[in-house]
Amino acid sequence: MQGMDSLLQAAVERGDVVGIAAAAGNAAGTLYEGAAGSRGNGLPMTPDTVGWIASMTKAITTTAVLQLVEAGRLSLDAPIAEVLPALANPMVLEGGTLRPAKGVITLRQLLTHTSGFAYNMWHADLAAHMAKEGIPSTGTCQKRALAVPLVADPGTAWSYSIGIDWAGQAAEAVTGKTLDVLIREGVTGPLGMTDTVFRLGPEQRAKLTAMHARGADGGLTPIPFEIPQEPEFHMGGGGLYGTARDYLRFCRMWLNGGTLDGARVLRPETVAEAMRDHIGKLAVQQMVSAVPDATYDVPLFPGMRCGWGLSFLVNDEAGPDGRSAGSVFWAGLSNCYYWIDVKRDRAGVIVTQSLPFADPRVLAVLGEFERAVYAA
């Protein structure tokens, strides 16, 4: 793929990123991997540089959960309170007060962000409630972070949320294993994703890149950052570190109908089910920032209706940079992004490490990279 290296280097030279790693492939193999810039510590960025992949964790956690659905140990549509009694009587935050929720929460709702949960980063009322009650964010990996009210009745609205953190808890409840073990045994191990971990080992630390913050002057400055390494719970919605190289293997498994290099991770029918829109008349809503240091407003294909599968955004129409209608896509708070396009047999990943999320300059680089992948 000619010009890819120059594209990444230009992004560094413009100050869009300090360092960037990227990979693209199809069902048969890797078509491109490369990197540019530095990790923020003087060492070069490489395709196996390790970064916090944040909410790109969600699809990996969901894969482990779907394996349990296949095995009959979890149900998508039974009340999740049968497995997680803590969710038996949820409360809804409405007008600054709490009321009992109407309806029950299911695993399908947790995976599609229609359970009624939300993130404080994109919900000002929830952010105010959490501040008032002293409830920490999920990034602290404290169990109290999950003790938040809903912001809508189950099944009535789409709201990006901590639902997949709860799905990870359900997986632990029915297996007696911790989520890190389930993911290692069922997903990252079989797929050879050796650098995708909750807990950084010496090998990952040796390749770790720094987190950066975009200042008012547009510059990027390194900041202290690390997901707790001795967590009270493994954050299934965003706790993993990983690499562009590893994540492309994960994406290629989806392109291959659930298998890669002889390892069967999911059944083909499960893959097809996960990648279709599950939210019907509901639609993905634009995400408006309530915590500016963490995230910008998130533009999700403005003017286009988007749905949600079992862990992914599903674009109803062809995207502006090449992906087909029905492709799936998501991202991580640290300005990491991926897409999987089964119709055109392409997947792509970029890994950077900066805040706030949905940085317009990084999104522009993602668009350039996507166009280059399809033009090759």
Protein backbone atom coordinates (compact mmCIF):
# COMPACT_ATOMS: atom_id res chain seq x y z
CA MET A 1 0.00 0.00 0.00
CA GLN A 2 2.07 2.85 -1.32
CA GLY A 3 1.92 6.18 0.45
CA MET A 4 0.77 4.81 3.81
CA ASP A 5 4.06 5.53 5.56
CA SER A 6 4.06 9.08 4.20
CA LEU A 7 0.47 9.58 5.35
CA LEU A 8 1.34 8.62 8.92
CA GLN A 9 4.54 10.69 8.92
CA ALA A 10 2.64 13.73 7.66
CA ALA A 11 0.20 13.40 10.56
CA VAL A 12 3.12 13.55 12.98
CA GLU A 13 4.70 16.52 11.22
CA ARG A 14 1.41 18.47 11.35
CA GLY A 15 1.11 17.81 15.08
CA ASP A 16 -2.06 15.77 14.68
CA VAL A 17 -0.43 12.99 16.69
CA VAL A 18 2.81 12.45 18.56
CA GLY A 19 2.92 8.85 17.45
CA ILE A 20 0.62 6.58 15.48
CA ALA A 21 0.54 2.89 14.64
CA ALA A 22 -1.74 1.55 11.93
CA ALA A 23 -2.65 -1.77 10.36
CA ALA A 24 -5.00 -2.91 7.62
CA GLY A 25 -5.90 -6.29 6.27
CA ASN A 26 -8.43 -8.62 4.73
CA ALA A 27 -9.62 -12.12 5.55
CA ALA A 28 -6.48 -13.61 4.01
CA GLY A 29 -3.85 -11.55 5.79
CA THR A 30 -2.23 -8.27 6.69
CA LEU A 31 -2.08 -5.77 3.83
CA TYR A 32 -0.25 -3.02 5.69
CA GLU A 33 1.27 -2.24 9.03
CA GLY A 34 3.35 0.77 9.90
CA ALA A 35 3.98 3.54 12.38
CA ALA A 36 5.37 7.04 12.65
CA GLY A 37 6.46 9.45 15.36
CA SER A 38 7.46 8.60 18.89
CA ARG A 39 5.96 7.17 22.04
CA GLY A 40 6.54 10.47 23.83
CA ASN A 41 9.68 9.20 25.51
CA GLY A 42 12.07 9.56 22.59
CA LEU A 43 11.57 5.98 21.42
CA PRO A 44 9.98 5.35 18.01
CA MET A 45 6.40 4.23 17.53
CA THR A 46 6.17 0.76 15.94
CA PRO A 47 3.29 -1.51 14.86
CA ASP A 48 3.68 -3.45 18.13
CA THR A 49 3.78 -0.36 20.36
CA VAL A 50 1.44 -0.92 23.30
CA GLY A 51 -1.25 1.61 24.17
CA TRP A 52 -4.45 1.75 26.17
CA ILE A 53 -7.14 0.65 23.70
CA ALA A 54 -9.96 1.74 26.01
CA SER A 55 -13.41 0.99 24.57
CA MET A 56 -11.94 -1.18 21.83
CA THR A 57 -11.98 -3.60 24.79
CA LYS A 58 -15.77 -3.82 24.43
CA ALA A 59 -15.75 -5.98 21.31
CA ILE A 60 -13.22 -8.36 22.88
CA THR A 61 -15.28 -8.68 26.07
CA THR A 62 -18.41 -9.21 23.98
CA THR A 63 -16.68 -12.00 22.08
CA ALA A 64 -15.99 -13.82 25.36
CA VAL A 65 -19.60 -13.23 26.42
CA LEU A 66 -20.95 -14.55 23.11
CA GLN A 67 -18.92 -17.71 23.57
CA LEU A 68 -20.91 -18.27 26.75
CA VAL A 69 -24.16 -17.58 24.88
CA GLU A 70 -23.14 -20.21 22.33
CA ALA A 71 -22.48 -22.62 25.19
CA GLY A 72 -25.92 -21.97 26.71
CA ARG A 73 -24.46 -20.47 29.87
CA LEU A 74 -25.80 -16.97 29.20
CA SER A 75 -29.01 -15.86 27.46
CA LEU A 76 -29.31 -12.71 25.40
CA ASP A 77 -32.93 -12.12 26.35
CA ALA A 78 -33.52 -13.55 29.83
CA PRO A 79 -33.54 -11.01 32.69
CA ILE A 80 -29.88 -10.44 33.52
CA ALA A 81 -30.86 -10.26 37.20
CA GLU A 82 -31.03 -14.06 37.11
CA VAL A 83 -27.24 -13.92 36.86
CA LEU A 84 -26.59 -10.50 38.42
CA PRO A 85 -28.98 -9.93 41.35
CA ALA A 86 -27.58 -6.41 41.74
CA LEU A 87 -29.55 -5.47 38.60
CA ALA A 88 -32.87 -6.84 39.83
CA ASN A 89 -34.37 -3.48 40.84
CA PRO A 90 -32.68 -0.72 38.85
CA MET A 91 -33.51 2.93 39.43
CA VAL A 92 -33.81 5.63 36.79
CA LEU A 93 -32.38 9.12 37.24
CA GLU A 94 -35.04 11.55 36.00
CA GLY A 95 -35.15 15.26 36.68
CA GLY A 96 -32.57 14.93 39.41
CA THR A 97 -34.53 12.28 41.33
CA LEU A 98 -34.62 8.49 41.27
CA ARG A 99 -37.59 6.28 40.41
CA PRO A 100 -37.98 2.52 39.84
CA ALA A 101 -37.28 1.41 36.28
CA LYS A 102 -40.05 0.06 34.09
CA GLY A 103 -39.03 -3.29 32.64
CA VAL A 104 -36.06 -5.57 33.17
CA ILE A 105 -32.51 -5.42 31.83
CA THR A 106 -31.28 -8.12 29.45
CA LEU A 107 -27.83 -9.06 28.20
CA ARG A 108 -28.77 -7.97 24.68
CA GLN A 109 -29.56 -4.52 26.05
CA LEU A 110 -26.25 -4.37 27.89
CA LEU A 111 -24.38 -5.23 24.69
CA THR A 112 -26.33 -2.76 22.53
CA HIS A 113 -26.35 0.18 24.97
CA THR A 114 -30.12 0.10 25.30
CA SER A 115 -30.19 -1.03 28.95
CA GLY A 116 -30.66 2.51 30.26
CA PHE A 117 -27.13 2.88 31.60
CA ALA A 118 -24.94 5.75 30.42
CA TYR A 119 -21.47 7.25 30.82
CA ASN A 120 -21.05 10.45 32.83
CA MET A 121 -18.73 11.77 30.09
CA TRP A 122 -21.72 12.17 27.76
CA HIS A 123 -24.56 12.68 30.24
CA ALA A 124 -24.47 15.86 32.30
CA ASP A 125 -27.24 14.82 34.72
CA LEU A 126 -25.49 11.55 35.47
CA ALA A 127 -22.18 13.36 35.90
CA ALA A 128 -23.81 15.69 38.45
CA HIS A 129 -25.40 12.76 40.29
CA MET A 130 -22.11 10.88 40.48
CA ALA A 131 -20.31 13.96 41.78
CA LYS A 132 -23.00 14.53 44.41
CA GLU A 133 -22.94 10.91 45.57
CA GLY A 134 -19.17 10.49 45.34
CA ILE A 135 -19.43 7.69 42.77
CA PRO A 136 -16.14 7.22 40.90
CA SER A 137 -15.85 6.67 37.15
CA THR A 138 -15.38 3.16 35.78
CA GLY A 139 -11.80 4.08 34.87
CA THR A 140 -10.90 3.72 38.54
CA CYS A 141 -11.87 0.01 38.33
CA GLN A 142 -13.65 0.33 41.69
CA LYS A 143 -16.77 -1.78 42.06
CA ARG A 144 -18.66 1.25 43.39
CA ALA A 145 -18.30 2.77 39.91
CA LEU A 146 -20.92 0.30 38.65
CA ALA A 147 -23.48 1.41 41.26
CA VAL A 148 -25.02 4.10 39.09
CA PRO A 149 -28.66 4.62 38.15
CA LEU A 150 -30.10 4.23 34.69
CA VAL A 151 -30.94 7.34 32.67
CA ALA A 152 -33.81 5.68 30.75
CA ASP A 153 -36.04 2.65 31.10
CA PRO A 154 -34.53 -0.54 29.65
CA GLY A 155 -35.11 -0.92 25.93
CA THR A 156 -36.44 2.61 25.36
CA ALA A 157 -33.35 4.54 24.24
CA TRP A 158 -29.79 4.18 23.00
CA SER A 159 -27.17 5.62 25.33
CA TYR A 160 -23.49 4.72 25.18
CA SER A 161 -22.80 3.13 28.52
CA ILE A 162 -21.14 0.88 31.06
CA GLY A 163 -23.36 -1.98 29.87
CA ILE A 164 -20.45 -4.11 28.69
CA ASP A 165 -18.73 -3.72 32.07
CA TRP A 166 -21.84 -5.39 33.48
CA ALA A 167 -21.75 -8.01 30.71
CA GLY A 168 -18.23 -8.87 31.81
CA GLN A 169 -19.51 -9.27 35.35
CA ALA A 170 -22.17 -11.65 34.07
CA ALA A 171 -19.50 -13.75 32.35
CA GLU A 172 -17.57 -13.96 35.60
CA ALA A 173 -20.70 -14.89 37.55
CA VAL A 174 -21.58 -17.91 35.43
CA THR A 175 -18.04 -19.24 35.06
CA GLY A 176 -16.36 -18.46 38.36
CA LYS A 177 -13.40 -17.12 36.36
CA THR A 178 -12.17 -13.56 36.19
CA LEU A 179 -12.65 -11.68 32.95
CA ASP A 180 -8.94 -11.49 32.21
CA VAL A 181 -8.75 -15.28 32.29
CA LEU A 182 -11.88 -15.72 30.14
CA ILE A 183 -10.54 -13.33 27.51
CA ARG A 184 -7.08 -14.87 27.51
CA GLU A 185 -8.42 -18.42 27.24
CA GLY A 186 -11.17 -17.73 24.73
CA VAL A 187 -10.06 -14.79 22.60
CA THR A 188 -6.58 -13.30 22.82
CA GLY A 189 -4.82 -16.64 23.40
CA PRO A 190 -6.34 -18.49 20.43
CA LEU A 191 -5.85 -15.43 18.21
CA GLY A 192 -2.21 -14.94 19.18
CA MET A 193 -2.85 -11.44 20.57
CA THR A 194 0.12 -11.65 22.92
CA ASP A 195 0.27 -7.96 23.84
CA THR A 196 -3.44 -7.48 24.58
CA VAL A 197 -3.69 -7.51 28.38
CA PHE A 198 -5.38 -5.93 31.39
CA ARG A 199 -2.19 -6.09 33.41
CA LEU A 200 1.02 -4.80 31.84
CA GLY A 201 3.91 -7.23 32.02
CA PRO A 202 7.59 -6.35 31.48
CA GLU A 203 7.32 -7.01 27.73
CA GLN A 204 4.35 -4.67 27.35
CA ARG A 205 5.91 -1.95 29.51
CA ALA A 206 9.00 -2.02 27.34
CA LYS A 207 6.82 -1.11 24.34
CA LEU A 208 4.37 1.23 26.08
CA THR A 209 3.57 4.68 24.70
CA ALA A 210 2.73 7.71 26.82
CA MET A 211 -0.68 9.33 26.98
CA HIS A 212 -0.92 12.93 25.75
CA ALA A 213 -3.35 15.81 26.21
CA ARG A 214 -4.31 18.33 23.54
CA GLY A 215 -3.78 21.82 24.95
CA ALA A 216 -5.57 25.05 24.16
CA ASP A 217 -2.71 25.91 21.80
CA GLY A 218 -3.30 22.70 19.86
CA GLY A 219 -0.13 21.04 21.08
CA LEU A 220 0.13 17.59 22.63
CA THR A 221 1.83 17.14 26.01
CA PRO A 222 2.58 13.86 27.84
CA ILE A 223 0.44 13.32 30.94
CA PRO A 224 0.55 10.71 33.73
CA PHE A 225 -1.87 7.91 32.96
CA GLU A 226 -2.36 4.25 33.79
CA ILE A 227 -5.35 1.96 34.22
CA PRO A 228 -5.20 0.41 37.73
CA GLN A 229 -3.06 -2.69 37.63
CA GLU A 230 -4.64 -4.24 40.74
CA PRO A 231 -8.31 -3.53 39.92
CA GLU A 232 -11.34 -4.34 42.04
CA PHE A 233 -12.94 -5.50 38.79
CA HIS A 234 -11.64 -5.98 35.27
CA MET A 235 -13.18 -3.22 33.19
CA GLY A 236 -14.77 -5.13 30.32
CA GLY A 237 -15.81 -1.85 28.76
CA GLY A 238 -12.35 -0.34 28.56
CA GLY A 239 -9.55 -1.90 30.59
CA LEU A 240 -7.31 -3.50 27.97
CA TYR A 241 -3.95 -2.42 26.62
CA GLY A 242 -2.99 -3.64 23.17
CA THR A 243 -1.40 -2.99 19.79
CA ALA A 244 -2.55 -2.21 16.26
CA ARG A 245 -0.97 -5.48 15.13
CA ASP A 246 -2.92 -7.53 17.68
CA TYR A 247 -6.21 -5.76 17.06
CA LEU A 248 -6.02 -6.34 13.33
CA ARG A 249 -5.89 -10.09 14.06
CA PHE A 250 -9.08 -9.68 16.07
CA CYS A 251 -10.74 -7.78 13.21
CA ARG A 252 -9.64 -10.40 10.68
CA MET A 253 -11.30 -13.10 12.80
CA TRP A 254 -14.60 -11.26 12.20
CA LEU A 255 -13.89 -11.01 8.46
CA ASN A 256 -13.31 -14.77 8.46
CA GLY A 257 -16.64 -15.62 10.07
CA GLY A 258 -15.23 -16.30 13.52
CA THR A 259 -11.98 -18.12 12.77
CA LEU A 260 -8.35 -17.18 12.16
CA ASP A 261 -5.35 -19.36 11.35
CA GLY A 262 -7.21 -22.51 12.34
CA ALA A 263 -8.57 -21.15 15.63
CA ARG A 264 -12.38 -21.10 15.85
CA VAL A 265 -13.44 -18.29 18.23
CA LEU A 266 -17.11 -17.82 17.28
CA ARG A 267 -19.58 -19.68 15.09
CA PRO A 268 -20.34 -18.07 11.70
CA GLU A 269 -23.98 -17.56 12.68
CA THR A 270 -22.90 -15.76 15.87
CA VAL A 271 -20.65 -13.45 13.86
CA ALA A 272 -23.49 -12.61 11.46
CA GLU A 273 -25.86 -12.00 14.36
CA ALA A 274 -23.42 -9.74 16.20
CA MET A 275 -22.71 -7.60 13.13
CA ARG A 276 -26.34 -6.76 12.31
CA ASP A 277 -28.32 -3.85 13.74
CA HIS A 278 -30.17 -4.84 16.91
CA ILE A 279 -31.77 -1.57 17.99
CA GLY A 280 -34.58 -1.34 15.44
CA LYS A 281 -36.49 1.94 15.58
CA LEU A 282 -33.99 3.36 18.02
CA ALA A 283 -30.88 4.99 16.57
CA VAL A 284 -27.41 5.88 17.75
CA GLN A 285 -27.52 9.41 19.16
CA GLN A 286 -24.84 12.04 18.83
CA MET A 287 -22.68 12.01 21.96
CA VAL A 288 -22.41 15.48 23.54
CA SER A 289 -19.49 15.98 25.90
CA ALA A 290 -20.16 16.60 29.59
CA VAL A 291 -16.46 16.25 30.53
CA PRO A 292 -14.43 18.37 28.08
CA ASP A 293 -11.04 17.18 29.33
CA ALA A 294 -11.97 13.62 28.44
CA THR A 295 -13.89 13.97 25.18
CA TYR A 296 -15.03 16.32 22.49
CA ASP A 297 -18.54 15.97 21.11
CA VAL A 298 -18.53 12.77 19.06
CA PRO A 299 -19.68 13.09 15.42
CA LEU A 300 -21.14 9.73 14.38
CA PHE A 301 -21.76 9.99 10.63
CA PRO A 302 -23.76 13.24 10.84
CA GLY A 303 -26.96 13.07 8.82
CA MET A 304 -26.85 9.26 8.61
CA ARG A 305 -28.92 6.92 10.75
CA CYS A 306 -26.66 4.38 12.49
CA GLY A 307 -27.61 1.28 14.40
CA TRP A 308 -25.82 -0.91 16.89
CA GLY A 309 -24.88 -4.57 16.82
CA LEU A 310 -23.61 -6.72 19.66
CA SER A 311 -20.79 -4.33 20.53
CA PHE A 312 -20.35 -2.26 17.36
CA LEU A 313 -21.80 0.75 15.61
CA VAL A 314 -23.40 -0.33 12.31
CA ASN A 315 -23.55 2.29 9.56
CA ASP A 316 -26.76 2.04 7.53
CA GLU A 317 -25.25 3.71 4.47
CA ALA A 318 -21.84 3.63 2.83
CA GLY A 319 -19.35 5.78 4.72
CA PRO A 320 -17.75 8.87 3.18
CA ASP A 321 -14.25 7.34 3.12
CA GLY A 322 -14.92 3.96 1.54
CA ARG A 323 -16.52 1.52 3.94
CA SER A 324 -19.66 -0.30 2.83
CA ALA A 325 -23.14 0.00 4.26
CA GLY A 326 -23.44 -2.53 7.04
CA SER A 327 -19.82 -2.19 8.14
CA VAL A 328 -19.07 -2.08 11.86
CA PHE A 329 -16.89 0.42 13.66
CA TRP A 330 -15.83 1.64 17.05
CA ALA A 331 -13.10 3.30 19.00
CA GLY A 332 -11.32 3.89 22.28
CA LEU A 333 -11.20 7.01 24.44
CA SER A 334 -7.47 7.37 23.77
CA ASN A 335 -8.18 8.14 20.09
CA CYS A 336 -7.86 4.55 18.86
CA TYR A 337 -10.20 3.44 16.06
CA TYR A 338 -11.09 0.40 13.98
CA TRP A 339 -13.57 -0.67 11.31
CA ILE A 340 -14.56 -4.03 9.82
CA ASP A 341 -16.09 -4.17 6.34
CA VAL A 342 -17.17 -7.69 5.38
CA LYS A 343 -18.62 -6.68 1.99
CA ARG A 344 -15.36 -5.19 0.75
CA ASP A 345 -13.18 -7.54 2.81
CA ARG A 346 -11.24 -4.84 4.59
CA ALA A 347 -10.46 -3.92 8.18
CA GLY A 348 -8.31 -1.15 9.57
CA VAL A 349 -6.95 -0.05 12.93
CA ILE A 350 -5.13 3.03 14.16
CA VAL A 351 -3.67 3.44 17.63
CA THR A 352 -2.73 6.83 19.08
CA GLN A 353 -2.65 7.96 22.72
CA SER A 354 -4.24 11.31 23.35
CA LEU A 355 -7.14 13.04 25.04
CA PRO A 356 -9.76 14.41 24.55
CA PHE A 357 -11.46 11.63 22.56
CA ALA A 358 -12.89 12.24 19.09
CA ASP A 359 -10.11 14.71 18.36
CA PRO A 360 -11.04 16.21 14.97
CA ARG A 361 -7.41 16.12 13.86
CA VAL A 362 -7.09 12.40 14.59
CA LEU A 363 -10.45 11.67 12.98
CA ALA A 364 -9.18 13.40 9.84
CA VAL A 365 -6.14 11.10 9.86
CA LEU A 366 -8.45 8.10 10.26
CA GLY A 367 -10.39 9.25 7.19
CA GLU A 368 -7.18 9.62 5.16
CA PHE A 369 -6.04 6.17 6.23
CA GLU A 370 -9.38 4.60 5.33
CA ARG A 371 -9.38 6.17 1.89
CA ALA A 372 -5.84 4.92 1.30
CA VAL A 373 -6.81 1.37 2.36
CA TYR A 374 -9.63 1.25 -0.19
CA ALA A 375 -7.60 2.92 -2.92
CA ALA A 376 -4.82 0.34 -2.75
